Amino acid sequence: MVQFQKAVKYGALLRLALIGTSGSGKTYSALAIATGLGLPIAFIDTERGSARKYADLFDFDVLELESFSVDNFIAAINAAEKGGYRVLIIDSLSHAWSGKDGILEFVDMETAKSRAKNAYTSGWRSATPLHNKLVDTILGCKMHVIACMRSKSEYVLEEVNGKKVPRKIGLQPVQREGMEYEFDVLGDLDQDHNLVISKSRCAAIDNKLFHKPGAEFAAILNEWLGGAEAPAPVAKPSAPIATPDPAAPVTPLRSDDVEKAVAKLSKRLRSYYEQGINGFNDVAVMKADMKLMLGIDDLKLATDDHMENILLWHNGLGGLLSNRDMLPFTHYPLIPETGEYAISSTPAPPAIDYDAILVEIDAEISKRHIPQNIADSIVKSAMSMAESKSQSIAMLVSNVKAYPLKSEPASDAVKNLHNEIKFRHEVLIAHRIDGYDVSKRLANSISEHLGTKTVKQCTDPERLGAYALHLQSKIDEAAKKEAS
């Protein structure tokens, strides 16, 4: 039976769009308003780290995107919601439309792939559902959302004190036409940092102007968003309890940290599969290496007990990107008759010749650019692993091979170390190790160890190598704590 009920406002979530030209104060205003809401803030940054410049003024966590595909935006929004954040800033949503890998590039790519080469019948037919999916994700998430959008701009001449002065004004937002209808509150920022409300479901701010909007503006929104308690859910008729199928695979319970580690590892494995790195374009080969490193051949079966090896494997795989000519799976036994490595879809971990690995590590160290203190630490770790019969020793070989050969040009050596540090930063950030997920902590770490603002500004192989080892020690300590 179809029934109407009395409309009651409860659990309202803010959907605010800030539109402005460069220099109008979109990022600052978004952070000021979000802070005024008094809830944990997540920030999706597409502006090449611009949000970090306000880290000393506002408390927030940031995720910096380099590819602006719809899937990346959706993944970031879902991650923020799952991470317990209550306010999400997207700066800027325009990149999902016109940025690298955004909707417009997606249309061009789909059109080029089609036979008809017609953007309307090929490109937009695929792009429109994708755009709608992004809108649905934004509107459906259980967080307040503040989305910044760039606006197309032009200059007009205004008379000031009898003189004609050029002034930059904003026009339409850089997004799909009609996007503004999806938000409850829409405001335009000018070059004097005035927010002019052009659309609002909140009567208290409709058609008003706010100079440098912040806490006071947020207080009005907070009061408007308040309402009655959410109604208790209606009890559903109990369904018969299904008898579990003992043959069905069981997905184990695991912590959020392991979920994040598995997601990060999955992303890297998918990349290796697509690029054919280390033979991983063969699923059986990938599963064989997984069996060796984790004792399972499906990441769905990973539990908290696998955390240490997940981190080790992820980090070791990163080193292969700097050494793509490395022989794959040197830790598998070689079959002399065939000249192939003994790999099957579900192999039993082969016996490890720890003495041979120690000799290999020593030989690799002698021919690579590795500072003496780092080499000593690696040898100490290898001997400790050999003594405790740890299978993780196989990853030390990959770590050593991540360092450049002495025969390589200095520029290549530095580039490889830059890549290695980037991979270790990714692990620290993804697992929130030692506060590295906070941009200020990461910046301070780079400055303290390298004496530069960014990793790429440092070209000293010895300092870079020492910093890479320092980062690895942080990862190892976190893995040991998780394992214990």
Protein backbone atom coordinates (compact mmCIF):
# COMPACT_ATOMS: atom_id res chain seq x y z
CA MET A 1 0.00 0.00 0.00
CA VAL A 2 1.39 3.43 -0.99
CA GLN A 3 1.45 5.86 1.95
CA PHE A 4 2.63 9.42 2.54
CA GLN A 5 4.30 10.41 5.83
CA LYS A 6 4.89 13.74 7.54
CA ALA A 7 8.14 15.29 6.28
CA VAL A 8 10.71 15.69 9.06
CA LYS A 9 14.29 16.99 8.67
CA TYR A 10 16.80 14.67 10.30
CA GLY A 11 20.40 13.68 9.72
CA ALA A 12 20.81 16.39 7.08
CA LEU A 13 24.17 16.49 5.31
CA LEU A 14 25.66 19.57 3.69
CA ARG A 15 26.21 19.66 -0.07
CA LEU A 16 28.07 22.94 -0.69
CA ALA A 17 29.70 24.06 -3.95
CA LEU A 18 32.23 26.92 -4.02
CA ILE A 19 32.88 28.35 -7.48
CA GLY A 20 35.61 30.84 -8.28
CA THR A 21 38.53 31.87 -10.44
CA SER A 22 42.17 31.42 -9.50
CA GLY A 23 43.00 33.50 -6.41
CA SER A 24 39.41 33.84 -5.20
CA GLY A 25 40.13 31.76 -2.09
CA LYS A 26 38.30 28.50 -2.79
CA THR A 27 40.73 26.26 -0.91
CA TYR A 28 41.07 28.51 2.14
CA SER A 29 37.32 29.14 2.32
CA ALA A 30 36.54 25.42 2.06
CA LEU A 31 38.94 24.63 4.92
CA ALA A 32 37.64 27.51 7.06
CA ILE A 33 34.01 26.45 6.61
CA ALA A 34 34.81 22.75 7.14
CA THR A 35 36.73 23.56 10.34
CA GLY A 36 33.75 25.58 11.57
CA LEU A 37 31.57 22.48 11.27
CA GLY A 38 33.71 20.94 14.03
CA LEU A 39 34.10 17.46 12.55
CA PRO A 40 37.03 15.37 11.21
CA ILE A 41 38.03 16.58 7.72
CA ALA A 42 39.26 14.63 4.69
CA PHE A 43 40.63 16.59 1.73
CA ILE A 44 40.86 15.30 -1.85
CA ASP A 45 43.51 17.51 -3.47
CA THR A 46 43.83 17.73 -7.25
CA GLU A 47 45.77 21.00 -7.18
CA ARG A 48 49.30 19.57 -6.87
CA GLY A 49 49.59 19.79 -3.10
CA SER A 50 48.10 23.26 -2.66
CA ALA A 51 46.11 22.11 0.40
CA ARG A 52 49.31 21.30 2.32
CA LYS A 53 50.19 24.99 2.35
CA TYR A 54 47.40 25.47 4.90
CA ALA A 55 48.46 22.58 7.15
CA ASP A 56 49.69 25.01 9.83
CA LEU A 57 46.31 26.78 9.91
CA PHE A 58 43.83 23.91 9.76
CA ASP A 59 43.69 20.31 10.98
CA PHE A 60 42.84 17.89 8.17
CA ASP A 61 44.04 14.77 6.36
CA VAL A 62 44.78 14.96 2.65
CA LEU A 63 44.84 12.61 -0.33
CA GLU A 64 46.59 13.98 -3.42
CA LEU A 65 45.35 12.61 -6.74
CA GLU A 66 47.54 12.52 -9.83
CA SER A 67 44.98 10.89 -12.12
CA PHE A 68 41.52 12.44 -12.16
CA SER A 69 39.47 9.56 -13.46
CA VAL A 70 35.97 9.14 -12.06
CA ASP A 71 37.01 5.82 -10.53
CA ASN A 72 39.79 7.54 -8.56
CA PHE A 73 37.41 10.16 -7.21
CA ILE A 74 34.86 7.51 -6.22
CA ALA A 75 37.55 5.40 -4.54
CA ALA A 76 38.77 8.45 -2.60
CA ILE A 77 35.24 9.36 -1.47
CA ASN A 78 34.54 5.81 -0.33
CA ALA A 79 37.89 5.68 1.50
CA ALA A 80 37.08 8.92 3.34
CA GLU A 81 33.68 7.61 4.41
CA LYS A 82 35.10 4.28 5.52
CA GLY A 83 37.90 6.11 7.37
CA GLY A 84 35.37 7.79 9.67
CA TYR A 85 35.69 11.33 8.33
CA ARG A 86 32.59 13.50 8.68
CA VAL A 87 33.47 16.35 6.31
CA LEU A 88 34.89 15.89 2.80
CA ILE A 89 36.46 18.65 0.72
CA ILE A 90 36.96 18.02 -3.01
CA ASP A 91 39.31 20.61 -4.50
CA SER A 92 38.63 20.71 -7.28
CA LEU A 93 35.74 18.79 -8.77
CA SER A 94 36.54 20.47 -12.09
CA HIS A 95 39.42 18.05 -12.61
CA ALA A 96 36.99 15.12 -12.78
CA TRP A 97 35.60 16.88 -15.84
CA SER A 98 38.52 18.47 -17.69
CA GLY A 99 41.65 17.14 -15.95
CA LYS A 100 43.98 14.30 -16.82
CA ASP A 101 41.92 11.09 -17.31
CA GLY A 102 38.77 13.10 -16.58
CA ILE A 103 35.43 12.78 -18.36
CA LEU A 104 36.42 14.82 -21.42
CA GLU A 105 39.57 12.74 -21.99
CA PHE A 106 37.51 9.60 -21.40
CA VAL A 107 35.07 10.69 -24.15
CA ASP A 108 37.95 11.28 -26.57
CA MET A 109 39.45 7.88 -25.77
CA GLU A 110 36.15 6.01 -26.17
CA THR A 111 35.42 7.86 -29.41
CA ALA A 112 38.85 6.99 -30.82
CA LYS A 113 38.33 3.31 -30.00
CA SER A 114 34.93 3.15 -31.71
CA ARG A 115 34.37 2.35 -35.36
CA ALA A 116 32.03 5.26 -35.99
CA LYS A 117 34.37 7.83 -34.39
CA ASN A 118 31.26 9.69 -33.26
CA ALA A 119 31.56 11.31 -29.83
CA TYR A 120 27.80 11.41 -29.27
CA THR A 121 27.06 7.78 -30.09
CA SER A 122 30.29 6.34 -28.69
CA GLY A 123 32.10 8.56 -26.20
CA TRP A 124 29.20 10.20 -24.37
CA ARG A 125 27.18 6.99 -24.27
CA SER A 126 29.86 5.59 -21.95
CA ALA A 127 30.77 8.84 -20.20
CA THR A 128 27.31 9.91 -19.07
CA PRO A 129 26.69 6.87 -16.82
CA LEU A 130 30.20 7.38 -15.42
CA HIS A 131 29.49 11.02 -14.60
CA ASN A 132 26.14 10.07 -13.03
CA LYS A 133 27.90 7.49 -10.89
CA LEU A 134 30.23 10.17 -9.52
CA VAL A 135 27.29 12.47 -8.74
CA ASP A 136 25.43 9.62 -7.00
CA THR A 137 28.52 8.82 -4.92
CA ILE A 138 28.87 12.44 -3.79
CA LEU A 139 25.19 12.79 -2.94
CA GLY A 140 24.94 9.37 -1.31
CA CYS A 141 27.98 9.48 0.98
CA LYS A 142 27.40 9.90 4.73
CA MET A 143 29.56 13.01 5.04
CA HIS A 144 29.19 16.76 4.61
CA VAL A 145 30.67 17.58 1.19
CA ILE A 146 32.27 20.87 0.16
CA ALA A 147 33.18 20.80 -3.54
CA CYS A 148 35.33 23.51 -5.11
CA MET A 149 34.96 24.17 -8.82
CA ARG A 150 37.01 26.39 -11.07
CA SER A 151 35.10 28.93 -13.08
CA LYS A 152 35.82 30.17 -16.56
CA SER A 153 37.04 33.73 -16.29
CA GLU A 154 37.38 36.89 -18.32
CA TYR A 155 38.48 40.46 -17.65
CA VAL A 156 36.19 43.47 -17.71
CA LEU A 157 37.08 47.14 -17.38
CA GLU A 158 35.68 48.93 -14.35
CA GLU A 159 35.95 52.62 -13.54
CA VAL A 160 37.80 53.26 -10.24
CA ASN A 161 38.58 56.87 -9.25
CA GLY A 162 38.03 57.99 -12.80
CA LYS A 163 40.34 55.34 -14.30
CA LYS A 164 39.56 52.14 -16.20
CA VAL A 165 40.87 49.16 -14.21
CA PRO A 166 40.76 45.54 -15.40
CA ARG A 167 38.93 43.16 -13.07
CA LYS A 168 38.73 39.36 -13.36
CA ILE A 169 35.24 37.91 -13.09
CA GLY A 170 34.01 34.32 -13.02
CA LEU A 171 31.56 32.82 -15.46
CA GLN A 172 30.26 29.24 -15.63
CA PRO A 173 31.88 26.51 -13.48
CA VAL A 174 34.21 24.08 -15.22
CA GLN A 175 31.97 21.06 -14.93
CA ARG A 176 29.18 19.41 -16.82
CA GLU A 177 26.27 21.77 -17.46
CA GLY A 178 23.67 21.50 -14.72
CA MET A 179 26.09 20.22 -12.06
CA GLU A 180 25.13 23.17 -9.84
CA TYR A 181 21.62 21.75 -9.43
CA GLU A 182 23.04 18.82 -7.45
CA PHE A 183 24.09 21.00 -4.48
CA ASP A 184 21.99 22.45 -1.64
CA VAL A 185 24.11 25.59 -1.38
CA LEU A 186 25.95 27.23 -4.26
CA GLY A 187 28.24 30.23 -3.86
CA ASP A 188 30.49 32.29 -6.11
CA LEU A 189 33.79 33.67 -4.74
CA ASP A 190 35.21 36.86 -6.23
CA GLN A 191 38.76 38.25 -6.13
CA ASP A 192 38.00 40.10 -2.86
CA HIS A 193 37.11 36.74 -1.23
CA ASN A 194 33.42 37.57 -1.04
CA LEU A 195 31.11 34.57 -1.20
CA VAL A 196 27.84 35.44 -2.96
CA ILE A 197 25.16 32.79 -2.41
CA SER A 198 23.43 32.19 -5.73
CA LYS A 199 21.39 29.15 -4.68
CA SER A 200 20.42 27.90 -1.24
CA ARG A 201 17.89 25.68 0.48
CA CYS A 202 18.89 27.49 3.69
CA ALA A 203 16.78 30.67 3.90
CA ALA A 204 19.18 32.31 6.38
CA ILE A 205 21.91 32.67 3.74
CA ASP A 206 19.93 32.91 0.51
CA ASN A 207 21.15 35.71 -1.80
CA LYS A 208 23.52 37.03 0.87
CA LEU A 209 27.19 37.97 0.75
CA PHE A 210 29.83 36.69 3.19
CA HIS A 211 33.32 38.19 3.28
CA LYS A 212 35.99 35.49 3.84
CA PRO A 213 33.43 32.87 4.92
CA GLY A 214 34.48 30.71 7.86
CA ALA A 215 33.28 29.90 11.36
CA GLU A 216 30.28 32.28 11.35
CA PHE A 217 29.07 30.98 8.01
CA ALA A 218 29.55 27.38 9.21
CA ALA A 219 27.55 28.14 12.38
CA ILE A 220 24.54 29.19 10.27
CA LEU A 221 24.82 25.99 8.24
CA ASN A 222 25.15 23.89 11.40
CA GLU A 223 21.96 25.35 12.84
CA TRP A 224 20.12 24.80 9.57
CA LEU A 225 21.33 21.20 9.27
CA GLY A 226 20.07 20.34 12.77
CA GLY A 227 16.72 18.63 13.10
CA ALA A 228 14.80 15.82 14.71
CA GLU A 229 16.36 12.50 15.59
CA ALA A 230 16.28 9.91 12.85
CA PRO A 231 13.32 7.56 13.18
CA ALA A 232 13.98 4.07 14.47
CA PRO A 233 14.24 1.56 11.62
CA VAL A 234 11.17 -0.59 11.05
CA ALA A 235 11.84 -4.16 12.06
CA LYS A 236 11.89 -6.49 9.08
CA PRO A 237 10.32 -9.93 9.22
CA SER A 238 12.94 -12.41 10.26
CA ALA A 239 14.18 -14.58 7.45
CA PRO A 240 14.92 -18.26 7.90
CA ILE A 241 18.54 -18.86 8.90
CA ALA A 242 20.44 -20.29 5.99
CA THR A 243 22.64 -23.28 6.62
CA PRO A 244 26.19 -22.38 5.53
CA ASP A 245 27.73 -24.39 2.76
CA PRO A 246 30.88 -25.99 4.22
CA ALA A 247 32.44 -26.05 0.75
CA ALA A 248 31.95 -22.33 0.17
CA PRO A 249 35.07 -20.13 0.60
CA VAL A 250 35.12 -18.17 3.84
CA THR A 251 36.21 -14.52 3.85
CA PRO A 252 38.05 -14.01 7.15
CA LEU A 253 37.48 -11.05 9.44
CA ARG A 254 40.38 -8.60 9.42
CA SER A 255 41.23 -5.14 10.71
CA ASP A 256 40.95 -1.93 8.69
CA ASP A 257 44.76 -1.73 8.53
CA VAL A 258 44.93 -5.10 6.82
CA GLU A 259 42.08 -4.11 4.49
CA LYS A 260 44.10 -1.05 3.47
CA ALA A 261 47.29 -3.08 3.08
CA VAL A 262 45.51 -5.64 0.90
CA ALA A 263 43.97 -2.85 -1.22
CA LYS A 264 47.40 -1.26 -1.72
CA LEU A 265 48.98 -4.60 -2.62
CA SER A 266 46.09 -5.42 -4.98
CA LYS A 267 46.63 -2.13 -6.79
CA ARG A 268 50.32 -2.87 -7.30
CA LEU A 269 49.64 -6.44 -8.42
CA ARG A 270 47.05 -5.19 -10.91
CA SER A 271 49.60 -2.72 -12.27
CA TYR A 272 52.22 -5.48 -12.58
CA TYR A 273 49.67 -7.69 -14.34
CA GLU A 274 48.79 -4.96 -16.86
CA GLN A 275 52.46 -4.13 -17.54
CA GLY A 276 53.72 -7.70 -17.47
CA ILE A 277 56.33 -6.84 -14.84
CA ASN A 278 58.14 -9.84 -13.31
CA GLY A 279 55.99 -12.22 -15.35
CA PHE A 280 52.84 -11.23 -13.49
CA ASN A 281 50.78 -11.07 -16.69
CA ASP A 282 50.48 -14.83 -16.03
CA VAL A 283 48.01 -15.23 -13.16
CA ALA A 284 49.48 -18.62 -12.22
CA VAL A 285 52.89 -17.00 -11.82
CA MET A 286 51.47 -14.23 -9.66
CA LYS A 287 49.63 -16.70 -7.44
CA ALA A 288 52.80 -18.77 -7.11
CA ASP A 289 54.73 -15.80 -5.78
CA MET A 290 51.83 -14.96 -3.47
CA LYS A 291 51.89 -18.53 -2.17
CA LEU A 292 55.58 -18.25 -1.43
CA MET A 293 55.35 -14.86 0.32
CA LEU A 294 51.99 -15.13 2.09
CA GLY A 295 51.20 -18.83 2.20
CA ILE A 296 47.91 -18.20 0.34
CA ASP A 297 47.04 -17.77 -3.32
CA ASP A 298 44.06 -15.43 -2.92
CA LEU A 299 44.19 -12.06 -1.13
CA LYS A 300 40.60 -12.57 0.02
CA LEU A 301 42.00 -15.12 2.46
CA ALA A 302 44.49 -12.67 4.02
CA THR A 303 44.10 -12.07 7.76
CA ASP A 304 45.80 -9.92 10.37
CA ASP A 305 48.47 -12.63 10.65
CA HIS A 306 49.64 -11.82 7.11
CA MET A 307 50.21 -8.11 7.78
CA GLU A 308 54.01 -8.23 8.06
CA ASN A 309 54.50 -10.23 4.86
CA ILE A 310 51.96 -8.11 2.97
CA LEU A 311 54.05 -5.01 3.74
CA LEU A 312 57.30 -6.79 2.91
CA TRP A 313 55.99 -8.12 -0.38
CA HIS A 314 54.48 -4.77 -1.40
CA ASN A 315 57.75 -2.97 -0.66
CA GLY A 316 59.85 -5.62 -2.39
CA LEU A 317 57.69 -5.47 -5.50
CA GLY A 318 58.29 -1.72 -5.62
CA GLY A 319 61.99 -2.32 -6.06
CA LEU A 320 61.36 -4.29 -9.24
CA LEU A 321 60.17 -1.15 -11.02
CA SER A 322 63.70 0.19 -10.81
CA ASN A 323 65.18 -3.11 -12.06
CA ARG A 324 62.91 -4.45 -14.77
CA ASP A 325 65.72 -6.53 -16.22
CA MET A 326 65.91 -8.50 -12.96
CA LEU A 327 65.33 -12.22 -13.49
CA PRO A 328 61.87 -13.07 -12.19
CA PHE A 329 61.44 -15.51 -9.32
CA THR A 330 65.09 -16.20 -8.60
CA HIS A 331 63.90 -17.61 -5.27
CA TYR A 332 62.23 -20.55 -7.07
CA PRO A 333 64.28 -23.67 -7.80
CA LEU A 334 65.51 -23.93 -11.39
CA ILE A 335 64.74 -27.12 -13.34
CA PRO A 336 67.97 -27.88 -15.27
CA GLU A 337 66.24 -30.03 -17.90
CA THR A 338 63.90 -27.25 -19.00
CA GLY A 339 65.80 -24.13 -17.92
CA GLU A 340 62.60 -22.89 -16.30
CA TYR A 341 61.70 -22.04 -12.74
CA ALA A 342 59.56 -24.50 -10.83
CA ILE A 343 56.32 -22.54 -10.63
CA SER A 344 52.85 -24.02 -10.30
CA SER A 345 49.50 -22.49 -9.36
CA THR A 346 49.70 -23.83 -5.79
CA PRO A 347 53.35 -24.66 -5.02
CA ALA A 348 54.62 -25.64 -1.64
CA PRO A 349 57.20 -23.09 -0.48
CA PRO A 350 60.58 -24.43 -1.60
CA ALA A 351 63.38 -24.99 0.88
CA ILE A 352 65.47 -21.84 1.16
CA ASP A 353 69.25 -21.98 0.95
CA TYR A 354 69.97 -19.24 3.45
CA ASP A 355 73.75 -19.44 2.98
CA ALA A 356 73.35 -18.93 -0.78
CA ILE A 357 71.09 -15.90 -0.22
CA LEU A 358 73.61 -14.37 2.21
CA VAL A 359 76.33 -14.79 -0.43
CA GLU A 360 74.05 -13.25 -3.10
CA ILE A 361 73.22 -10.25 -0.88
CA ASP A 362 76.92 -9.69 -0.16
CA ALA A 363 77.73 -9.85 -3.89
CA GLU A 364 74.93 -7.44 -4.81
CA ILE A 365 75.99 -4.93 -2.14
CA SER A 366 79.55 -4.87 -3.47
CA LYS A 367 78.44 -3.80 -6.96
CA ARG A 368 75.81 -1.23 -6.03
CA HIS A 369 75.72 2.37 -4.78
CA ILE A 370 74.87 1.65 -1.13
CA PRO A 371 76.30 3.72 1.75
CA GLN A 372 78.34 1.64 4.19
CA ASN A 373 76.00 2.16 7.13
CA ILE A 374 73.05 0.97 5.04
CA ALA A 375 74.99 -2.04 3.76
CA ASP A 376 75.92 -2.99 7.33
CA SER A 377 72.27 -2.77 8.38
CA ILE A 378 71.12 -4.93 5.46
CA VAL A 379 73.72 -7.59 6.22
CA LYS A 380 72.74 -7.55 9.90
CA SER A 381 69.06 -8.00 8.98
CA ALA A 382 69.90 -10.80 6.53
CA MET A 383 71.94 -12.71 9.12
CA SER A 384 69.15 -12.32 11.67
CA MET A 385 66.57 -13.63 9.20
CA ALA A 386 68.82 -16.54 8.23
CA GLU A 387 69.28 -17.46 11.88
CA SER A 388 65.51 -17.38 12.54
CA LYS A 389 64.78 -19.15 9.21
CA SER A 390 62.49 -16.33 8.08
CA GLN A 391 61.20 -16.72 4.51
CA SER A 392 61.05 -12.93 4.29
CA ILE A 393 64.77 -12.95 3.60
CA ALA A 394 63.91 -13.38 -0.08
CA MET A 395 62.59 -9.83 -0.11
CA LEU A 396 65.93 -8.46 1.09
CA VAL A 397 67.44 -9.45 -2.25
CA SER A 398 64.83 -7.34 -4.05
CA ASN A 399 65.47 -4.44 -1.67
CA VAL A 400 69.21 -4.55 -2.33
CA LYS A 401 68.64 -4.71 -6.10
CA ALA A 402 66.54 -1.55 -5.86
CA TYR A 403 69.78 0.40 -5.37
CA PRO A 404 71.56 1.50 -8.57
CA LEU A 405 74.57 -0.32 -9.97
CA LYS A 406 77.92 1.43 -9.72
CA SER A 407 78.16 1.21 -13.51
CA GLU A 408 74.97 3.26 -13.91
CA PRO A 409 75.19 7.00 -14.60
CA ALA A 410 74.75 9.13 -11.51
CA SER A 411 71.47 10.57 -12.84
CA ASP A 412 69.95 7.08 -13.14
CA ALA A 413 71.12 6.20 -9.65
CA VAL A 414 69.42 9.25 -8.18
CA LYS A 415 66.24 8.60 -10.18
CA ASN A 416 66.02 5.03 -8.92
CA LEU A 417 66.46 6.18 -5.33
CA HIS A 418 63.73 8.79 -5.84
CA ASN A 419 61.40 6.01 -6.97
CA GLU A 420 62.34 3.78 -4.05
CA ILE A 421 61.62 6.55 -1.52
CA LYS A 422 58.31 7.27 -3.24
CA PHE A 423 57.22 3.64 -2.84
CA ARG A 424 58.15 3.64 0.85
CA HIS A 425 56.30 6.90 1.42
CA GLU A 426 53.24 5.28 -0.15
CA VAL A 427 53.39 2.38 2.32
CA LEU A 428 53.83 4.72 5.31
CA ILE A 429 50.95 6.95 4.20
CA ALA A 430 48.58 4.11 3.30
CA HIS A 431 49.02 2.44 6.70
CA ARG A 432 49.28 5.68 8.71
CA ILE A 433 52.63 4.64 10.10
CA ASP A 434 54.34 7.06 12.49
CA GLY A 435 52.07 9.92 11.42
CA TYR A 436 53.26 9.96 7.80
CA ASP A 437 49.66 10.24 6.59
CA VAL A 438 49.73 13.85 7.84
CA SER A 439 51.27 16.09 5.19
CA LYS A 440 53.19 18.21 7.70
CA ARG A 441 54.84 15.11 9.19
CA LEU A 442 55.92 13.95 5.74
CA ALA A 443 57.29 17.38 4.80
CA ASN A 444 59.26 17.60 8.05
CA SER A 445 60.73 14.14 7.47
CA ILE A 446 61.97 15.08 3.99
CA SER A 447 63.41 18.35 5.24
CA GLU A 448 65.14 16.72 8.22
CA HIS A 449 66.81 13.87 6.30
CA LEU A 450 67.38 15.39 2.87
CA GLY A 451 67.61 19.12 3.62
CA THR A 452 65.19 19.90 0.78
CA LYS A 453 61.48 20.61 0.44
CA THR A 454 60.85 17.68 -1.91
CA VAL A 455 62.57 14.35 -2.52
CA LYS A 456 63.34 15.20 -6.16
CA GLN A 457 65.26 18.30 -5.12
CA CYS A 458 67.86 16.09 -3.41
CA THR A 459 70.49 14.64 -5.78
CA ASP A 460 72.90 13.18 -3.21
CA PRO A 461 72.79 9.35 -3.58
CA GLU A 462 74.22 8.80 -0.11
CA ARG A 463 71.61 10.94 1.65
CA LEU A 464 68.84 9.44 -0.47
CA GLY A 465 70.00 5.92 0.32
CA ALA A 466 70.19 6.64 4.04
CA TYR A 467 66.69 8.11 3.97
CA ALA A 468 65.32 5.07 2.12
CA LEU A 469 66.74 2.83 4.84
CA HIS A 470 65.27 5.05 7.56
CA LEU A 471 61.82 4.76 5.96
CA GLN A 472 62.18 1.00 5.65
CA SER A 473 63.02 0.75 9.35
CA LYS A 474 59.73 2.52 10.14
CA ILE A 475 57.82 0.06 7.97
CA ASP A 476 59.59 -2.94 9.55
CA GLU A 477 58.86 -1.70 13.08
CA ALA A 478 55.17 -1.26 12.27
CA ALA A 479 55.00 -4.72 10.70
CA LYS A 480 56.58 -6.32 13.78
CA LYS A 481 54.15 -4.54 16.12
CA GLU A 482 51.22 -5.66 14.00
CA ALA A 483 52.49 -9.23 13.96
CA SER A 484 52.91 -9.31 17.74
